Structures are given as C-alpha cells and as structure tokens.
Protein backbone atom coordinates (compact mmCIF):
# COMPACT_ATOMS: atom_id res chain seq x y z
CA MET A 1 0.00 -0.03 -0.10
CA GLU A 2 0.91 3.54 -0.63
CA LYS A 3 0.95 4.59 3.28
CA ASP A 4 3.92 1.44 3.77
CA ARG A 5 6.21 2.97 0.91
CA PRO A 6 9.17 4.63 2.35
CA PRO A 7 8.97 8.27 1.69
CA HIS A 8 12.25 8.68 -0.29
CA ASP A 9 11.55 5.98 -2.93
CA ASP A 10 11.83 7.12 -6.24
CA VAL A 11 8.52 6.41 -7.82
CA LEU A 12 9.44 7.01 -11.52
CA ALA A 13 13.00 5.05 -11.04
CA GLU A 14 11.21 2.02 -9.87
CA TRP A 15 8.72 1.82 -12.67
CA LEU A 16 11.36 2.60 -15.00
CA THR A 17 13.40 -0.57 -14.03
CA HIS A 18 10.50 -2.91 -15.03
CA TYR A 19 8.37 -2.87 -18.40
CA PHE A 20 7.69 0.71 -18.42
CA SER A 21 11.41 1.79 -19.97
CA CYS A 22 10.84 -1.07 -22.60
CA ASP A 23 7.48 0.32 -23.94
CA LEU A 24 9.04 4.04 -23.74
CA VAL A 25 12.04 2.94 -25.79
CA SER A 26 9.55 1.15 -27.80
CA ALA A 27 7.37 4.56 -28.51
CA GLY A 28 10.83 6.32 -29.53
CA LEU A 29 12.52 7.56 -26.45
CA SER A 30 16.62 7.50 -27.19
CA ASP A 31 18.91 5.52 -24.65
CA GLN A 32 19.82 9.29 -23.64
CA GLY A 33 16.39 10.57 -22.58
CA LEU A 34 15.85 7.08 -20.68
CA ALA A 35 19.07 7.79 -18.71
CA ARG A 36 17.58 11.26 -17.91
CA ALA A 37 14.66 9.78 -16.55
CA ARG A 38 16.26 7.53 -14.78
CA ASP A 39 18.45 10.01 -13.40
CA SER A 40 16.92 10.32 -9.36
CA SER A 41 19.55 12.99 -8.60
CA LYS A 42 17.12 15.29 -10.79
CA ASP A 43 13.63 16.59 -10.03
CA LEU A 44 11.06 14.15 -10.77
CA LEU A 45 8.33 16.48 -12.09
CA GLU A 46 11.59 17.59 -14.65
CA ARG A 47 12.10 13.71 -15.49
CA TRP A 48 8.48 13.15 -16.04
CA GLN A 49 8.42 15.68 -18.68
CA LEU A 50 10.39 13.56 -21.04
C-alpha cells in the first residue's frame, strides 16, 4: 500500500526498472532520454516531462 512506501522512494525509477522503460524505448525514447528519466538526482517533475 502507498502508506507503507518509504517517503524517499523514487516512484519513477521504480517503474523504469521494469516494463515501462521498454514501452518508452519502443515508442521512440532515446537511450539518452531514458538515462535522464532514470537519474534520480534530478527533480521528478523534470524527469516526468520527457
């Protein structure tokens, strides 16, 4: 459940380690774009706007 998730978890990075990244690449996201999306040192909203 969401309430059990540690507050410091990177939700986008969690999704990008699984099938979601394959979908993005299949849709045309570059390797560089995927690397930017996975970079948890960047702001989540910035990474979300691929």
